Amino acid sequence: MTEENLTLSEKVDRLTQLIEKNPIKKRKERMFRMPFSGRVGRGHLKKGFVTVLEIAENGSASFTKKQIVDSTIKLRDTYHSVDDKDCLNYKGKPLIIIPKKSENPYNPNYVKNTTFSQKHIMSRMMNETINKAKTIGIAGISIGVVILVGIVIYALISG
């Protein structure tokens, strides 16, 4: 049979056979690699260099390596003060996150913890959904009882 004479189901069968023979290979996800401009080696570590993740005013981020001098880092035209609590580690090397607008670096470890109440909120949500189901059931039963009582009274009155 030629390609033109095949029915639709035969074409679909051929396609499924081709797909089974040659499965689609998924791309392996790559791990994050520090850009070369931000990598700090042993020699630079001894001289006081750190990797700086600079977040610009337009939201773009760039990695650079800068030297800490007198607890300050100069990024182009601005100076930023640095403390030991602001340093993070990436694969054993120091990393500092500095928003361009801020004088001090950003450290996510010193942000107020707002996740501690998630279990409490979830359990309360579950309890409320169960209570709603119970009240709907009681309301349905009470309405059913009122209807039955009305039918019985109507039957007794009408004879």
N, C-alpha and C. Protein backbone atom coordinates (compact mmCIF):
# COMPACT_ATOMS: atom_id res chain seq x y z
N MET A 1 0.83 -1.19 0.00
CA MET A 1 0.00 0.00 0.00
C MET A 1 0.87 1.24 0.00
N THR A 2 0.42 2.21 -0.71
CA THR A 2 1.15 3.46 -0.74
C THR A 2 0.62 4.39 0.35
N GLU A 3 1.33 5.47 0.55
CA GLU A 3 0.94 6.44 1.57
C GLU A 3 -0.44 7.03 1.31
N GLU A 4 -0.81 7.18 0.06
CA GLU A 4 -2.09 7.80 -0.28
C GLU A 4 -3.27 6.89 0.01
N ASN A 5 -3.08 5.57 -0.04
CA ASN A 5 -4.17 4.62 0.13
C ASN A 5 -4.39 4.22 1.58
N LEU A 6 -3.59 4.67 2.50
CA LEU A 6 -3.73 4.28 3.90
C LEU A 6 -4.91 4.99 4.54
N THR A 7 -5.60 4.26 5.41
CA THR A 7 -6.69 4.88 6.16
C THR A 7 -6.10 5.64 7.34
N LEU A 8 -6.94 6.42 7.97
CA LEU A 8 -6.50 7.23 9.09
C LEU A 8 -6.01 6.36 10.25
N SER A 9 -6.72 5.29 10.54
CA SER A 9 -6.31 4.41 11.65
C SER A 9 -4.98 3.73 11.36
N GLU A 10 -4.71 3.38 10.09
CA GLU A 10 -3.43 2.77 9.73
C GLU A 10 -2.30 3.78 9.88
N LYS A 11 -2.56 5.04 9.54
CA LYS A 11 -1.55 6.09 9.71
C LYS A 11 -1.23 6.30 11.19
N VAL A 12 -2.27 6.27 12.01
CA VAL A 12 -2.07 6.43 13.45
C VAL A 12 -1.27 5.26 14.01
N ASP A 13 -1.57 4.05 13.55
CA ASP A 13 -0.82 2.87 13.99
C ASP A 13 0.66 2.99 13.63
N ARG A 14 0.94 3.46 12.41
CA ARG A 14 2.33 3.65 11.99
C ARG A 14 3.04 4.67 12.88
N LEU A 15 2.35 5.76 13.17
CA LEU A 15 2.95 6.80 14.02
C LEU A 15 3.24 6.28 15.42
N THR A 16 2.33 5.51 15.98
CA THR A 16 2.57 4.96 17.32
C THR A 16 3.73 3.98 17.31
N GLN A 17 3.88 3.20 16.25
CA GLN A 17 5.02 2.29 16.15
C GLN A 17 6.32 3.07 16.06
N LEU A 18 6.35 4.15 15.31
CA LEU A 18 7.55 4.98 15.20
C LEU A 18 7.92 5.61 16.54
N ILE A 19 6.92 6.05 17.25
CA ILE A 19 7.18 6.68 18.55
C ILE A 19 7.71 5.65 19.55
N GLU A 20 7.17 4.45 19.52
CA GLU A 20 7.65 3.40 20.43
C GLU A 20 9.08 3.00 20.12
N LYS A 21 9.46 3.00 18.84
CA LYS A 21 10.83 2.65 18.46
C LYS A 21 11.81 3.74 18.85
N ASN A 22 11.42 4.99 18.65
CA ASN A 22 12.30 6.12 18.94
C ASN A 22 11.65 7.03 19.99
N PRO A 23 11.79 6.67 21.27
CA PRO A 23 11.16 7.52 22.30
C PRO A 23 11.84 8.89 22.37
N ILE A 24 11.07 9.88 22.76
CA ILE A 24 11.58 11.24 22.88
C ILE A 24 12.44 11.32 24.13
N LYS A 25 13.67 11.75 23.95
CA LYS A 25 14.59 11.83 25.08
C LYS A 25 14.44 13.17 25.77
N LYS A 26 14.28 13.13 27.08
CA LYS A 26 14.15 14.36 27.86
C LYS A 26 15.55 14.92 28.12
N ARG A 27 15.64 16.23 28.08
CA ARG A 27 16.91 16.87 28.35
C ARG A 27 17.19 16.83 29.85
N LYS A 28 18.42 16.53 30.17
CA LYS A 28 18.83 16.49 31.56
C LYS A 28 18.99 17.93 32.05
N GLU A 29 18.41 18.22 33.21
CA GLU A 29 18.52 19.57 33.76
C GLU A 29 19.93 19.81 34.25
N ARG A 30 20.44 20.97 33.91
CA ARG A 30 21.79 21.31 34.32
C ARG A 30 21.77 21.96 35.69
N MET A 31 22.81 21.70 36.45
CA MET A 31 22.97 22.35 37.73
C MET A 31 23.42 23.79 37.49
N PHE A 32 23.16 24.66 38.46
CA PHE A 32 23.59 26.05 38.34
C PHE A 32 25.11 26.12 38.43
N ARG A 33 25.70 26.87 37.53
CA ARG A 33 27.15 27.08 37.56
C ARG A 33 27.41 28.57 37.70
N MET A 34 28.27 28.89 38.64
CA MET A 34 28.62 30.28 38.87
C MET A 34 29.32 30.83 37.63
N PRO A 35 28.90 32.02 37.16
CA PRO A 35 29.60 32.62 36.02
C PRO A 35 31.07 32.87 36.37
N PHE A 36 31.90 32.81 35.35
CA PHE A 36 33.34 32.94 35.58
C PHE A 36 33.70 34.28 36.21
N SER A 37 32.94 35.32 35.89
CA SER A 37 33.24 36.64 36.45
C SER A 37 33.00 36.71 37.95
N GLY A 38 32.27 35.74 38.51
CA GLY A 38 31.99 35.76 39.93
C GLY A 38 32.74 34.73 40.73
N ARG A 39 33.51 33.87 40.08
CA ARG A 39 34.23 32.82 40.80
C ARG A 39 35.41 33.38 41.56
N VAL A 40 35.55 32.93 42.80
CA VAL A 40 36.64 33.38 43.65
C VAL A 40 37.54 32.19 43.92
N GLY A 41 38.83 32.33 43.60
CA GLY A 41 39.80 31.26 43.84
C GLY A 41 40.48 31.42 45.19
N ARG A 42 41.40 30.51 45.48
CA ARG A 42 42.11 30.54 46.77
C ARG A 42 42.92 31.82 46.95
N GLY A 43 43.60 32.22 45.89
CA GLY A 43 44.42 33.43 45.99
C GLY A 43 43.59 34.67 46.29
N HIS A 44 42.46 34.78 45.62
CA HIS A 44 41.57 35.91 45.87
C HIS A 44 40.96 35.83 47.26
N LEU A 45 40.66 34.63 47.74
CA LEU A 45 40.10 34.48 49.08
C LEU A 45 41.05 35.04 50.13
N LYS A 46 42.33 34.76 49.97
CA LYS A 46 43.32 35.24 50.93
C LYS A 46 43.44 36.76 50.91
N LYS A 47 43.13 37.37 49.78
CA LYS A 47 43.21 38.83 49.66
C LYS A 47 41.92 39.53 50.07
N GLY A 48 40.88 38.75 50.43
CA GLY A 48 39.63 39.36 50.91
C GLY A 48 38.58 39.57 49.85
N PHE A 49 38.64 38.83 48.77
CA PHE A 49 37.63 38.94 47.72
C PHE A 49 36.42 38.08 48.06
N VAL A 50 35.25 38.50 47.62
CA VAL A 50 34.01 37.74 47.77
C VAL A 50 33.24 37.81 46.45
N THR A 51 32.34 36.86 46.26
CA THR A 51 31.43 36.90 45.12
C THR A 51 30.27 37.80 45.48
N VAL A 52 29.96 38.74 44.61
CA VAL A 52 28.88 39.70 44.86
C VAL A 52 27.79 39.48 43.83
N LEU A 53 26.57 39.23 44.31
CA LEU A 53 25.39 39.17 43.45
C LEU A 53 24.75 40.54 43.52
N GLU A 54 24.94 41.33 42.47
CA GLU A 54 24.42 42.70 42.44
C GLU A 54 23.06 42.70 41.76
N ILE A 55 22.07 43.24 42.45
CA ILE A 55 20.72 43.35 41.90
C ILE A 55 20.50 44.81 41.52
N ALA A 56 20.41 45.07 40.23
CA ALA A 56 20.28 46.44 39.74
C ALA A 56 18.87 46.97 39.96
N GLU A 57 18.70 48.26 39.69
CA GLU A 57 17.41 48.92 39.90
C GLU A 57 16.33 48.41 38.95
N ASN A 58 16.73 47.89 37.79
CA ASN A 58 15.75 47.38 36.84
C ASN A 58 15.46 45.89 37.04
N GLY A 59 16.03 45.29 38.09
CA GLY A 59 15.75 43.89 38.41
C GLY A 59 16.74 42.90 37.85
N SER A 60 17.70 43.36 37.08
CA SER A 60 18.68 42.43 36.53
C SER A 60 19.73 42.10 37.59
N ALA A 61 20.30 40.92 37.49
CA ALA A 61 21.29 40.47 38.46
C ALA A 61 22.59 40.14 37.74
N SER A 62 23.71 40.43 38.40
CA SER A 62 25.00 40.11 37.81
C SER A 62 25.95 39.66 38.92
N PHE A 63 26.83 38.72 38.56
CA PHE A 63 27.83 38.21 39.48
C PHE A 63 29.17 38.87 39.20
N THR A 64 29.81 39.35 40.25
CA THR A 64 31.16 39.90 40.13
C THR A 64 31.95 39.49 41.36
N LYS A 65 33.26 39.64 41.29
CA LYS A 65 34.07 39.41 42.49
C LYS A 65 34.68 40.75 42.89
N LYS A 66 34.50 41.10 44.15
CA LYS A 66 34.97 42.38 44.66
C LYS A 66 35.73 42.14 45.96
N GLN A 67 36.64 43.06 46.25
CA GLN A 67 37.44 42.97 47.47
C GLN A 67 36.78 43.80 48.57
N ILE A 68 36.78 43.26 49.78
CA ILE A 68 36.26 43.98 50.93
C ILE A 68 37.42 44.80 51.51
N VAL A 69 37.23 46.12 51.56
CA VAL A 69 38.24 47.01 52.11
C VAL A 69 37.59 47.83 53.21
N ASP A 70 38.09 47.71 54.42
CA ASP A 70 37.54 48.45 55.58
C ASP A 70 36.04 48.24 55.73
N SER A 71 35.58 47.01 55.59
CA SER A 71 34.17 46.62 55.73
C SER A 71 33.27 47.31 54.71
N THR A 72 33.82 47.64 53.55
CA THR A 72 33.00 48.23 52.48
C THR A 72 33.35 47.59 51.15
N ILE A 73 32.39 47.62 50.26
CA ILE A 73 32.58 47.14 48.89
C ILE A 73 32.16 48.26 47.96
N LYS A 74 32.97 48.55 46.94
CA LYS A 74 32.63 49.57 45.95
C LYS A 74 32.11 48.88 44.70
N LEU A 75 30.86 49.20 44.35
CA LEU A 75 30.25 48.72 43.11
C LEU A 75 30.09 49.91 42.19
N ARG A 76 30.95 49.99 41.20
CA ARG A 76 30.98 51.10 40.25
C ARG A 76 31.03 52.45 40.98
N ASP A 77 29.88 53.10 41.18
CA ASP A 77 29.86 54.43 41.77
C ASP A 77 29.29 54.47 43.19
N THR A 78 28.94 53.33 43.77
CA THR A 78 28.35 53.33 45.11
C THR A 78 29.17 52.46 46.06
N TYR A 79 29.14 52.83 47.32
CA TYR A 79 29.80 52.07 48.37
C TYR A 79 28.74 51.39 49.22
N HIS A 80 29.03 50.16 49.66
CA HIS A 80 28.09 49.39 50.48
C HIS A 80 28.85 48.82 51.67
N SER A 81 28.27 48.98 52.86
CA SER A 81 28.92 48.44 54.05
C SER A 81 28.61 46.96 54.16
N VAL A 82 29.59 46.20 54.67
CA VAL A 82 29.47 44.74 54.76
C VAL A 82 29.83 44.32 56.18
N ASP A 83 29.06 43.39 56.70
CA ASP A 83 29.33 42.83 58.03
C ASP A 83 29.46 41.32 57.88
N ASP A 84 30.00 40.65 58.88
CA ASP A 84 30.17 39.20 58.77
C ASP A 84 28.84 38.46 58.72
N LYS A 85 27.78 39.05 59.29
CA LYS A 85 26.47 38.37 59.25
C LYS A 85 25.82 38.45 57.87
N ASP A 86 26.33 39.32 56.99
CA ASP A 86 25.78 39.46 55.65
C ASP A 86 26.34 38.44 54.66
N CYS A 87 27.39 37.74 55.03
CA CYS A 87 28.04 36.80 54.12
C CYS A 87 27.30 35.46 54.12
N LEU A 88 26.99 34.99 52.93
CA LEU A 88 26.42 33.66 52.74
C LEU A 88 27.50 32.78 52.14
N ASN A 89 27.26 31.47 52.05
CA ASN A 89 28.22 30.55 51.45
C ASN A 89 27.61 29.90 50.23
N TYR A 90 28.39 29.82 49.17
CA TYR A 90 28.02 29.05 47.99
C TYR A 90 29.20 28.14 47.67
N LYS A 91 29.02 26.84 47.91
CA LYS A 91 30.07 25.83 47.70
C LYS A 91 31.35 26.20 48.45
N GLY A 92 31.19 26.67 49.67
CA GLY A 92 32.32 26.97 50.52
C GLY A 92 32.97 28.32 50.27
N LYS A 93 32.44 29.09 49.34
CA LYS A 93 33.00 30.40 49.02
C LYS A 93 32.02 31.48 49.48
N PRO A 94 32.54 32.64 49.93
CA PRO A 94 31.65 33.70 50.43
C PRO A 94 30.85 34.35 49.29
N LEU A 95 29.58 34.64 49.59
CA LEU A 95 28.67 35.26 48.64
C LEU A 95 27.90 36.35 49.35
N ILE A 96 27.79 37.50 48.72
CA ILE A 96 27.04 38.62 49.29
C ILE A 96 26.02 39.08 48.26
N ILE A 97 24.77 39.29 48.71
CA ILE A 97 23.70 39.78 47.84
C ILE A 97 23.52 41.26 48.15
N ILE A 98 23.75 42.11 47.14
CA ILE A 98 23.65 43.55 47.36
C ILE A 98 22.67 44.16 46.38
N PRO A 99 21.54 44.69 46.88
CA PRO A 99 20.67 45.49 46.01
C PRO A 99 21.35 46.84 45.75
N LYS A 100 21.32 47.30 44.53
CA LYS A 100 22.01 48.54 44.16
C LYS A 100 21.48 49.74 44.94
N LYS A 101 20.19 49.74 45.27
CA LYS A 101 19.58 50.86 45.98
C LYS A 101 19.91 50.88 47.47
N SER A 102 20.31 49.74 48.02
CA SER A 102 20.49 49.64 49.46
C SER A 102 21.95 49.84 49.85
N GLU A 103 22.14 50.47 51.01
CA GLU A 103 23.50 50.66 51.53
C GLU A 103 24.03 49.37 52.11
N ASN A 104 23.13 48.57 52.69
CA ASN A 104 23.53 47.32 53.33
C ASN A 104 23.14 46.12 52.47
N PRO A 105 23.92 45.04 52.53
CA PRO A 105 23.57 43.83 51.78
C PRO A 105 22.29 43.19 52.30
N TYR A 106 21.72 42.34 51.48
CA TYR A 106 20.49 41.62 51.83
C TYR A 106 20.85 40.22 52.28
N ASN A 107 20.32 39.80 53.42
CA ASN A 107 20.53 38.44 53.91
C ASN A 107 19.17 37.83 54.18
N PRO A 108 18.76 36.82 53.41
CA PRO A 108 17.44 36.23 53.60
C PRO A 108 17.28 35.50 54.93
N ASN A 109 18.36 35.21 55.62
CA ASN A 109 18.25 34.54 56.91
C ASN A 109 17.75 35.46 58.02
N TYR A 110 17.78 36.76 57.80
CA TYR A 110 17.34 37.71 58.81
C TYR A 110 15.99 38.32 58.48
N VAL A 111 15.20 37.64 57.69
CA VAL A 111 13.85 38.04 57.37
C VAL A 111 12.92 37.35 58.36
N LYS A 112 11.84 38.01 58.74
CA LYS A 112 10.90 37.44 59.69
C LYS A 112 10.31 36.13 59.15
N ASN A 113 10.29 35.10 59.98
CA ASN A 113 9.78 33.79 59.57
C ASN A 113 8.25 33.84 59.56
N THR A 114 7.67 33.61 58.42
CA THR A 114 6.22 33.62 58.30
C THR A 114 5.66 32.24 57.98
N THR A 115 6.50 31.21 57.99
CA THR A 115 6.03 29.87 57.64
C THR A 115 5.64 29.03 58.84
N PHE A 116 5.89 29.50 60.06
CA PHE A 116 5.63 28.68 61.23
C PHE A 116 4.15 28.44 61.46
N SER A 117 3.28 29.29 60.95
CA SER A 117 1.85 29.14 61.20
C SER A 117 1.12 28.35 60.12
N GLN A 118 1.83 27.80 59.14
CA GLN A 118 1.17 27.10 58.05
C GLN A 118 0.41 25.87 58.52
N LYS A 119 0.98 25.11 59.47
CA LYS A 119 0.29 23.92 59.97
C LYS A 119 -1.00 24.31 60.70
N HIS A 120 -0.93 25.37 61.48
CA HIS A 120 -2.10 25.84 62.21
C HIS A 120 -3.20 26.29 61.26
N ILE A 121 -2.82 27.03 60.22
CA ILE A 121 -3.80 27.52 59.24
C ILE A 121 -4.43 26.35 58.50
N MET A 122 -3.61 25.37 58.11
CA MET A 122 -4.13 24.21 57.38
C MET A 122 -5.10 23.41 58.24
N SER A 123 -4.76 23.18 59.50
CA SER A 123 -5.67 22.41 60.36
C SER A 123 -6.97 23.17 60.60
N ARG A 124 -6.88 24.48 60.74
CA ARG A 124 -8.09 25.26 60.94
C ARG A 124 -8.97 25.22 59.69
N MET A 125 -8.35 25.27 58.50
CA MET A 125 -9.13 25.17 57.27
C MET A 125 -9.83 23.82 57.17
N MET A 126 -9.13 22.76 57.55
CA MET A 126 -9.73 21.42 57.50
C MET A 126 -10.89 21.33 58.49
N ASN A 127 -10.72 21.87 59.69
CA ASN A 127 -11.80 21.83 60.69
C ASN A 127 -13.02 22.60 60.22
N GLU A 128 -12.80 23.75 59.58
CA GLU A 128 -13.93 24.53 59.10
C GLU A 128 -14.67 23.84 57.97
N THR A 129 -13.97 23.15 57.10
CA THR A 129 -14.66 22.45 56.02
C THR A 129 -15.49 21.31 56.56
N ILE A 130 -14.98 20.63 57.58
CA ILE A 130 -15.76 19.54 58.19
C ILE A 130 -16.99 20.11 58.89
N ASN A 131 -16.85 21.22 59.60
CA ASN A 131 -17.99 21.83 60.28
C ASN A 131 -19.03 22.31 59.30
N LYS A 132 -18.63 22.85 58.18
CA LYS A 132 -19.58 23.28 57.16
C LYS A 132 -20.40 22.10 56.66
N ALA A 133 -19.75 20.97 56.45
CA ALA A 133 -20.45 19.79 55.95
C ALA A 133 -21.47 19.33 56.99
N LYS A 134 -21.12 19.40 58.26
CA LYS A 134 -22.05 18.97 59.31
C LYS A 134 -23.25 19.90 59.37
N THR A 135 -23.04 21.20 59.32
CA THR A 135 -24.17 22.13 59.41
C THR A 135 -25.08 22.00 58.20
N ILE A 136 -24.52 21.75 57.03
CA ILE A 136 -25.36 21.54 55.85
C ILE A 136 -26.19 20.28 56.03
N GLY A 137 -25.63 19.23 56.60
CA GLY A 137 -26.36 17.99 56.83
C GLY A 137 -27.50 18.19 57.83
N ILE A 138 -27.26 18.92 58.89
CA ILE A 138 -28.30 19.19 59.89
C ILE A 138 -29.39 20.05 59.28
N ALA A 139 -29.01 21.04 58.50
CA ALA A 139 -30.00 21.90 57.86
C ALA A 139 -30.86 21.09 56.88
N GLY A 140 -30.24 20.19 56.14
CA GLY A 140 -30.98 19.37 55.20
C GLY A 140 -31.96 18.44 55.90
N ILE A 141 -31.52 17.87 57.00
CA ILE A 141 -32.42 16.97 57.77
C ILE A 141 -33.58 17.76 58.34
N SER A 142 -33.31 18.95 58.89
CA SER A 142 -34.39 19.74 59.49
C SER A 142 -35.40 20.18 58.43
N ILE A 143 -34.95 20.52 57.24
CA ILE A 143 -35.87 20.90 56.16
C ILE A 143 -36.69 19.69 55.74
N GLY A 144 -36.06 18.53 55.67
CA GLY A 144 -36.78 17.31 55.33
C GLY A 144 -37.85 16.97 56.35
N VAL A 145 -37.54 17.14 57.63
CA VAL A 145 -38.51 16.87 58.70
C VAL A 145 -39.69 17.83 58.59
N VAL A 146 -39.44 19.11 58.33
CA VAL A 146 -40.51 20.09 58.19
C VAL A 146 -41.42 19.72 57.02
N ILE A 147 -40.84 19.28 55.91
CA ILE A 147 -41.64 18.89 54.74
C ILE A 147 -42.50 17.66 55.07
N LEU A 148 -41.92 16.66 55.74
CA LEU A 148 -42.69 15.47 56.11
C LEU A 148 -43.82 15.81 57.07
N VAL A 149 -43.54 16.66 58.03
CA VAL A 149 -44.60 17.06 58.98
C VAL A 149 -45.70 17.80 58.21
N GLY A 150 -45.35 18.65 57.26
CA GLY A 150 -46.36 19.35 56.47
C GLY A 150 -47.21 18.38 55.65
N ILE A 151 -46.59 17.36 55.07
CA ILE A 151 -47.33 16.35 54.28
C ILE A 151 -48.29 15.57 55.17
N VAL A 152 -47.84 15.20 56.35
CA VAL A 152 -48.71 14.44 57.28
C VAL A 152 -49.88 15.30 57.72
N ILE A 153 -49.62 16.56 58.05
CA ILE A 153 -50.71 17.44 58.48
C ILE A 153 -51.70 17.65 57.32
N TYR A 154 -51.22 17.84 56.11
CA TYR A 154 -52.07 18.03 54.94
C TYR A 154 -52.92 16.76 54.70
N ALA A 155 -52.31 15.56 54.89
CA ALA A 155 -53.04 14.32 54.67
C ALA A 155 -54.15 14.16 55.72
N LEU A 156 -53.87 14.54 56.97
CA LEU A 156 -54.88 14.42 58.02
C LEU A 156 -56.02 15.42 57.81
N ILE A 157 -55.71 16.61 57.38
CA ILE A 157 -56.73 17.63 57.19
C ILE A 157 -57.59 17.32 55.98
N SER A 158 -56.98 16.92 54.87
CA SER A 158 -57.73 16.70 53.65
C SER A 158 -58.46 15.36 53.67
N GLY A 159 -58.11 14.48 54.52
CA GLY A 159 -58.89 13.27 54.68
C GLY A 159 -58.28 12.11 54.11
